[in-house]
Amino acid sequence: MIDILRKHILTKIGDDTSQLEVVLSKFQHIAVKCDTQLLRQGDVCKHVYFVATGCLQISNLDQNHKETTRDIVIENYWCSELNSFSEQVPAIENITAIEDSNLLAISRSNFYQLIASVAQFEKFYTQLLEASYAHSVNRINALMALSAKEKIDWLTKNQPYLLDRVSSKMIASYLGITQETYSRLKRK
């Protein structure tokens, strides 16, 4: 599993691998089964996860226990509840494995130790934050302005791999439409 992370990091940092083994040594492999909850809303986030294989859902529950999916994270992407992780405050989201998954986790203390001591890791983290922010802004802007049909078309164009991996209920939640609307429009 660590080779998957090694390749991922190398695509971001280029040829300077002098500290790569130090960085990789701070990650722990975690194998989780489908439906394993890695973070519960209200708990404090203690890890950042790299998804080597599998799929994670980031969601929250409102006071009526209605679940809203903010993101679906697949292989070669990172997952955490950033505000809770960095500020050590209660999480407003849940992180759940929606497939059997192999993750590489780094603890908060190891994470910040690397930020302080390995310039490449800090640069890498900045690149991840920028990419994550751009993805979120793109998704929010697209989904706010689109009709339900256009949202499905957007997903089909930009994240088609989710259609075969994720339940209709979760996709509808991710798109901000009802499951009934999603099912009806998908049939067309």
C-alpha atoms as a PDB file:
ATOM      1  CA  MET A   1       0.000   0.000   0.000  1.00  0.00           C
ATOM      2  CA  ILE A   2       2.812   2.389   0.803  1.00  0.00           C
ATOM      3  CA  ASP A   3       3.991   2.148  -2.837  1.00  0.00           C
ATOM      4  CA  ILE A   4       0.680   3.675  -3.954  1.00  0.00           C
ATOM      5  CA  LEU A   5       1.289   6.648  -1.666  1.00  0.00           C
ATOM      6  CA  ARG A   6       4.927   6.875  -2.778  1.00  0.00           C
ATOM      7  CA  LYS A   7       3.875   7.099  -6.455  1.00  0.00           C
ATOM      8  CA  HIS A   8       1.196   9.665  -5.611  1.00  0.00           C
ATOM      9  CA  ILE A   9       3.625  11.901  -3.739  1.00  0.00           C
ATOM     10  CA  LEU A  10       6.261  11.591  -6.465  1.00  0.00           C
ATOM     11  CA  THR A  11       3.794  12.875  -9.064  1.00  0.00           C
ATOM     12  CA  LYS A  12       3.427  16.019  -6.951  1.00  0.00           C
ATOM     13  CA  ILE A  13       6.956  16.745  -5.741  1.00  0.00           C
ATOM     14  CA  GLY A  14       9.108  15.731  -8.692  1.00  0.00           C
ATOM     15  CA  ASP A  15      12.639  14.405  -8.413  1.00  0.00           C
ATOM     16  CA  ASP A  16      13.679  15.592  -4.943  1.00  0.00           C
ATOM     17  CA  THR A  17      13.125  12.427  -2.937  1.00  0.00           C
ATOM     18  CA  SER A  18      15.643  13.069  -0.161  1.00  0.00           C
ATOM     19  CA  GLN A  19      13.011  13.077   2.606  1.00  0.00           C
ATOM     20  CA  LEU A  20      10.429  10.802   0.999  1.00  0.00           C
ATOM     21  CA  GLU A  21      11.131   7.779   3.200  1.00  0.00           C
ATOM     22  CA  VAL A  22      10.878   9.963   6.311  1.00  0.00           C
ATOM     23  CA  VAL A  23       7.445  11.149   5.142  1.00  0.00           C
ATOM     24  CA  LEU A  24       6.246   7.639   4.272  1.00  0.00           C
ATOM     25  CA  SER A  25       7.390   6.260   7.641  1.00  0.00           C
ATOM     26  CA  LYS A  26       4.810   8.463   9.388  1.00  0.00           C
ATOM     27  CA  PHE A  27       1.848   6.771   7.685  1.00  0.00           C
ATOM     28  CA  GLN A  28       0.073   3.710   9.040  1.00  0.00           C
ATOM     29  CA  HIS A  29      -1.855   1.254   6.855  1.00  0.00           C
ATOM     30  CA  ILE A  30      -5.459   0.762   7.963  1.00  0.00           C
ATOM     31  CA  ALA A  31      -7.786  -1.764   6.324  1.00  0.00           C
ATOM     32  CA  VAL A  32     -11.454  -1.022   6.983  1.00  0.00           C
ATOM     33  CA  LYS A  33     -14.659  -2.785   6.015  1.00  0.00           C
ATOM     34  CA  CYS A  34     -17.605  -1.154   4.296  1.00  0.00           C
ATOM     35  CA  ASP A  35     -19.717   0.915   6.731  1.00  0.00           C
ATOM     36  CA  THR A  36     -16.811   1.544   9.105  1.00  0.00           C
ATOM     37  CA  GLN A  37     -17.136   5.015  10.552  1.00  0.00           C
ATOM     38  CA  LEU A  38     -13.714   6.670  10.729  1.00  0.00           C
ATOM     39  CA  LEU A  39     -15.006   9.915  12.225  1.00  0.00           C
ATOM     40  CA  ARG A  40     -18.290  10.665  13.966  1.00  0.00           C
ATOM     41  CA  GLN A  41     -19.858  14.072  13.929  1.00  0.00           C
ATOM     42  CA  GLY A  42     -19.035  15.641  17.311  1.00  0.00           C
ATOM     43  CA  ASP A  43     -15.745  13.763  17.782  1.00  0.00           C
ATOM     44  CA  VAL A  44     -12.377  15.406  17.169  1.00  0.00           C
ATOM     45  CA  CYS A  45     -10.588  14.408  13.960  1.00  0.00           C
ATOM     46  CA  LYS A  46      -7.176  12.927  14.705  1.00  0.00           C
ATOM     47  CA  HIS A  47      -6.046  11.706  11.240  1.00  0.00           C
ATOM     48  CA  VAL A  48      -5.685  12.567   7.605  1.00  0.00           C
ATOM     49  CA  TYR A  49      -6.351   9.604   5.321  1.00  0.00           C
ATOM     50  CA  PHE A  50      -4.959   8.794   1.904  1.00  0.00           C
ATOM     51  CA  VAL A  51      -7.251   6.387   0.053  1.00  0.00           C
ATOM     52  CA  ALA A  52      -5.106   3.657  -1.507  1.00  0.00           C
ATOM     53  CA  THR A  53      -8.130   1.532  -2.433  1.00  0.00           C
ATOM     54  CA  GLY A  54     -11.803   1.955  -1.689  1.00  0.00           C
ATOM     55  CA  CYS A  55     -14.191   4.801  -1.219  1.00  0.00           C
ATOM     56  CA  LEU A  56     -15.136   7.147   1.632  1.00  0.00           C
ATOM     57  CA  GLN A  57     -18.171   9.344   2.188  1.00  0.00           C
ATOM     58  CA  ILE A  58     -18.011  12.698   3.953  1.00  0.00           C
ATOM     59  CA  SER A  59     -21.456  13.589   5.270  1.00  0.00           C
ATOM     60  CA  ASN A  60     -23.357  15.235   8.057  1.00  0.00           C
ATOM     61  CA  LEU A  61     -26.662  14.678   9.786  1.00  0.00           C
ATOM     62  CA  ASP A  62     -29.064  17.503  10.540  1.00  0.00           C
ATOM     63  CA  GLN A  63     -31.271  17.666  13.632  1.00  0.00           C
ATOM     64  CA  ASN A  64     -33.870  15.488  11.849  1.00  0.00           C
ATOM     65  CA  HIS A  65     -31.185  12.852  11.096  1.00  0.00           C
ATOM     66  CA  LYS A  66     -31.288  13.644   7.385  1.00  0.00           C
ATOM     67  CA  GLU A  67     -27.927  12.803   5.849  1.00  0.00           C
ATOM     68  CA  THR A  68     -26.267  15.135   3.358  1.00  0.00           C
ATOM     69  CA  THR A  69     -23.212  13.959   1.430  1.00  0.00           C
ATOM     70  CA  ARG A  70     -20.601  16.680   0.994  1.00  0.00           C
ATOM     71  CA  ASP A  71     -18.035  14.587  -0.815  1.00  0.00           C
ATOM     72  CA  ILE A  72     -17.159  11.097  -2.003  1.00  0.00           C
ATOM     73  CA  VAL A  73     -13.449  10.298  -1.903  1.00  0.00           C
ATOM     74  CA  ILE A  74     -11.891   7.559  -4.037  1.00  0.00           C
ATOM     75  CA  GLU A  75      -8.425   6.159  -4.667  1.00  0.00           C
ATOM     76  CA  ASN A  76      -5.486   8.557  -4.815  1.00  0.00           C
ATOM     77  CA  TYR A  77      -7.325  11.283  -2.947  1.00  0.00           C
ATOM     78  CA  TRP A  78      -7.081  12.545   0.611  1.00  0.00           C
ATOM     79  CA  CYS A  79      -9.754  12.764   3.260  1.00  0.00           C
ATOM     80  CA  SER A  80     -10.098  14.515   6.598  1.00  0.00           C
ATOM     81  CA  GLU A  81     -12.376  16.935   8.419  1.00  0.00           C
ATOM     82  CA  LEU A  82      -9.924  19.780   8.104  1.00  0.00           C
ATOM     83  CA  ASN A  83     -11.344  22.263  10.609  1.00  0.00           C
ATOM     84  CA  SER A  84     -11.638  19.618  13.315  1.00  0.00           C
ATOM     85  CA  PHE A  85      -8.201  18.229  12.482  1.00  0.00           C
ATOM     86  CA  SER A  86      -6.379  21.558  12.527  1.00  0.00           C
ATOM     87  CA  GLU A  87      -8.268  23.290  15.343  1.00  0.00           C
ATOM     88  CA  GLN A  88      -9.036  20.166  17.423  1.00  0.00           C
ATOM     89  CA  VAL A  89     -12.716  21.100  17.710  1.00  0.00           C
ATOM     90  CA  PRO A  90     -15.704  18.745  17.355  1.00  0.00           C
ATOM     91  CA  ALA A  91     -16.233  17.599  13.769  1.00  0.00           C
ATOM     92  CA  ILE A  92     -19.323  18.741  11.924  1.00  0.00           C
ATOM     93  CA  GLU A  93     -19.030  15.832   9.488  1.00  0.00           C
ATOM     94  CA  ASN A  94     -18.815  12.058   9.473  1.00  0.00           C
ATOM     95  CA  ILE A  95     -16.287  10.059   7.480  1.00  0.00           C
ATOM     96  CA  THR A  96     -17.495   6.568   6.570  1.00  0.00           C
ATOM     97  CA  ALA A  97     -16.045   3.818   4.380  1.00  0.00           C
ATOM     98  CA  ILE A  98     -18.624   2.964   1.747  1.00  0.00           C
ATOM     99  CA  GLU A  99     -16.474   0.176   0.322  1.00  0.00           C
ATOM    100  CA  ASP A 100     -13.890  -2.073   1.895  1.00  0.00           C
ATOM    101  CA  SER A 101     -10.920   0.295   1.874  1.00  0.00           C
ATOM    102  CA  ASN A 102      -7.180   0.400   2.390  1.00  0.00           C
ATOM    103  CA  LEU A 103      -6.109   3.703   3.854  1.00  0.00           C
ATOM    104  CA  LEU A 104      -2.822   5.241   4.821  1.00  0.00           C
ATOM    105  CA  ALA A 105      -3.369   7.389   7.903  1.00  0.00           C
ATOM    106  CA  ILE A 106      -1.173  10.018   9.450  1.00  0.00           C
ATOM    107  CA  SER A 107      -1.773  11.289  12.958  1.00  0.00           C
ATOM    108  CA  ARG A 108      -2.059  14.981  13.743  1.00  0.00           C
ATOM    109  CA  SER A 109       1.227  15.031  15.658  1.00  0.00           C
ATOM    110  CA  ASN A 110       3.133  13.286  12.845  1.00  0.00           C
ATOM    111  CA  PHE A 111       1.455  15.491  10.263  1.00  0.00           C
ATOM    112  CA  TYR A 112       2.506  18.737  11.918  1.00  0.00           C
ATOM    113  CA  GLN A 113       5.964  17.345  12.663  1.00  0.00           C
ATOM    114  CA  LEU A 114       6.415  16.763   8.910  1.00  0.00           C
ATOM    115  CA  ILE A 115       5.079  20.231   8.080  1.00  0.00           C
ATOM    116  CA  ALA A 116       7.673  21.732  10.423  1.00  0.00           C
ATOM    117  CA  SER A 117      10.643  19.596   9.425  1.00  0.00           C
ATOM    118  CA  VAL A 118      10.220  18.586   5.754  1.00  0.00           C
ATOM    119  CA  ALA A 119       9.872  21.508   3.352  1.00  0.00           C
ATOM    120  CA  GLN A 120       8.726  19.178   0.552  1.00  0.00           C
ATOM    121  CA  PHE A 121       5.838  17.939   2.677  1.00  0.00           C
ATOM    122  CA  GLU A 122       4.705  21.472   3.428  1.00  0.00           C
ATOM    123  CA  LYS A 123       4.826  22.269  -0.308  1.00  0.00           C
ATOM    124  CA  PHE A 124       2.956  19.035  -1.067  1.00  0.00           C
ATOM    125  CA  TYR A 125       0.296  19.885   1.519  1.00  0.00           C
ATOM    126  CA  THR A 126      -0.137  23.362   0.051  1.00  0.00           C
ATOM    127  CA  GLN A 127      -0.683  21.801  -3.387  1.00  0.00           C
ATOM    128  CA  LEU A 128      -3.290  19.441  -1.908  1.00  0.00           C
ATOM    129  CA  LEU A 129      -5.135  22.278  -0.211  1.00  0.00           C
ATOM    130  CA  GLU A 130      -5.184  24.325  -3.407  1.00  0.00           C
ATOM    131  CA  ALA A 131      -6.475  21.395  -5.464  1.00  0.00           C
ATOM    132  CA  SER A 132      -9.107  20.542  -2.854  1.00  0.00           C
ATOM    133  CA  TYR A 133     -10.271  24.132  -2.671  1.00  0.00           C
ATOM    134  CA  ALA A 134     -10.494  24.416  -6.469  1.00  0.00           C
ATOM    135  CA  HIS A 135     -12.472  21.143  -6.645  1.00  0.00           C
ATOM    136  CA  SER A 136     -14.885  22.321  -3.940  1.00  0.00           C
ATOM    137  CA  VAL A 137     -15.428  25.741  -5.506  1.00  0.00           C
ATOM    138  CA  ASN A 138     -15.983  24.188  -8.941  1.00  0.00           C
ATOM    139  CA  ARG A 139     -18.491  21.692  -7.556  1.00  0.00           C
ATOM    140  CA  ILE A 140     -20.352  24.270  -5.445  1.00  0.00           C
ATOM    141  CA  ASN A 141     -20.573  26.786  -8.272  1.00  0.00           C
ATOM    142  CA  ALA A 142     -21.718  24.171 -10.756  1.00  0.00           C
ATOM    143  CA  LEU A 143     -24.304  22.581  -8.509  1.00  0.00           C
ATOM    144  CA  MET A 144     -25.770  25.844  -7.203  1.00  0.00           C
ATOM    145  CA  ALA A 145     -26.570  27.107 -10.661  1.00  0.00           C
ATOM    146  CA  LEU A 146     -27.781  23.915 -12.320  1.00  0.00           C
ATOM    147  CA  SER A 147     -31.150  22.238 -12.619  1.00  0.00           C
ATOM    148  CA  ALA A 148     -31.507  18.670 -11.327  1.00  0.00           C
ATOM    149  CA  LYS A 149     -31.005  17.285 -14.851  1.00  0.00           C
ATOM    150  CA  GLU A 150     -27.944  19.482 -15.380  1.00  0.00           C
ATOM    151  CA  LYS A 151     -26.496  18.309 -12.058  1.00  0.00           C
ATOM    152  CA  ILE A 152     -26.745  14.696 -13.205  1.00  0.00           C
ATOM    153  CA  ASP A 153     -25.154  15.637 -16.535  1.00  0.00           C
ATOM    154  CA  TRP A 154     -22.373  17.450 -14.633  1.00  0.00           C
ATOM    155  CA  LEU A 155     -21.700  14.360 -12.526  1.00  0.00           C
ATOM    156  CA  THR A 156     -21.755  12.108 -15.603  1.00  0.00           C
ATOM    157  CA  LYS A 157     -19.174  14.346 -17.283  1.00  0.00           C
ATOM    158  CA  ASN A 158     -16.931  15.161 -14.302  1.00  0.00           C
ATOM    159  CA  GLN A 159     -17.155  12.127 -12.000  1.00  0.00           C
ATOM    160  CA  PRO A 160     -18.660   9.266 -14.027  1.00  0.00           C
ATOM    161  CA  TYR A 161     -16.876   6.623 -11.923  1.00  0.00           C
ATOM    162  CA  LEU A 162     -19.247   7.414  -9.038  1.00  0.00           C
ATOM    163  CA  LEU A 163     -22.283   6.219 -10.979  1.00  0.00           C
ATOM    164  CA  ASP A 164     -21.137   2.585 -10.784  1.00  0.00           C
ATOM    165  CA  ARG A 165     -19.717   2.712  -7.251  1.00  0.00           C
ATOM    166  CA  VAL A 166     -22.187   4.680  -5.166  1.00  0.00           C
ATOM    167  CA  SER A 167     -25.855   4.158  -4.354  1.00  0.00           C
ATOM    168  CA  SER A 168     -28.502   6.305  -6.023  1.00  0.00           C
ATOM    169  CA  LYS A 169     -29.482   7.635  -2.611  1.00  0.00           C
ATOM    170  CA  MET A 170     -25.930   8.846  -1.938  1.00  0.00           C
ATOM    171  CA  ILE A 171     -25.548  10.362  -5.407  1.00  0.00           C
ATOM    172  CA  ALA A 172     -28.820  12.239  -4.981  1.00  0.00           C
ATOM    173  CA  SER A 173     -27.627  13.561  -1.618  1.00  0.00           C
ATOM    174  CA  TYR A 174     -24.269  14.552  -3.142  1.00  0.00           C
ATOM    175  CA  LEU A 175     -26.054  16.446  -5.927  1.00  0.00           C
ATOM    176  CA  GLY A 176     -28.535  18.083  -3.562  1.00  0.00           C
ATOM    177  CA  ILE A 177     -31.628  16.546  -5.140  1.00  0.00           C
ATOM    178  CA  THR A 178     -34.145  13.998  -3.916  1.00  0.00           C
ATOM    179  CA  GLN A 179     -33.630  10.329  -4.605  1.00  0.00           C
ATOM    180  CA  GLU A 180     -36.952  10.244  -6.448  1.00  0.00           C
ATOM    181  CA  THR A 181     -35.888  13.074  -8.753  1.00  0.00           C
ATOM    182  CA  TYR A 182     -32.549  11.410  -9.381  1.00  0.00           C
ATOM    183  CA  SER A 183     -34.165   8.057 -10.214  1.00  0.00           C
ATOM    184  CA  ARG A 184     -36.736   9.660 -12.510  1.00  0.00           C
ATOM    185  CA  LEU A 185     -34.189  11.733 -14.423  1.00  0.00           C
ATOM    186  CA  LYS A 186     -31.668   8.911 -14.611  1.00  0.00           C
ATOM    187  CA  ARG A 187     -34.226   6.748 -16.424  1.00  0.00           C
ATOM    188  CA  LYS A 188     -34.667   9.386 -19.124  1.00  0.00           C
END
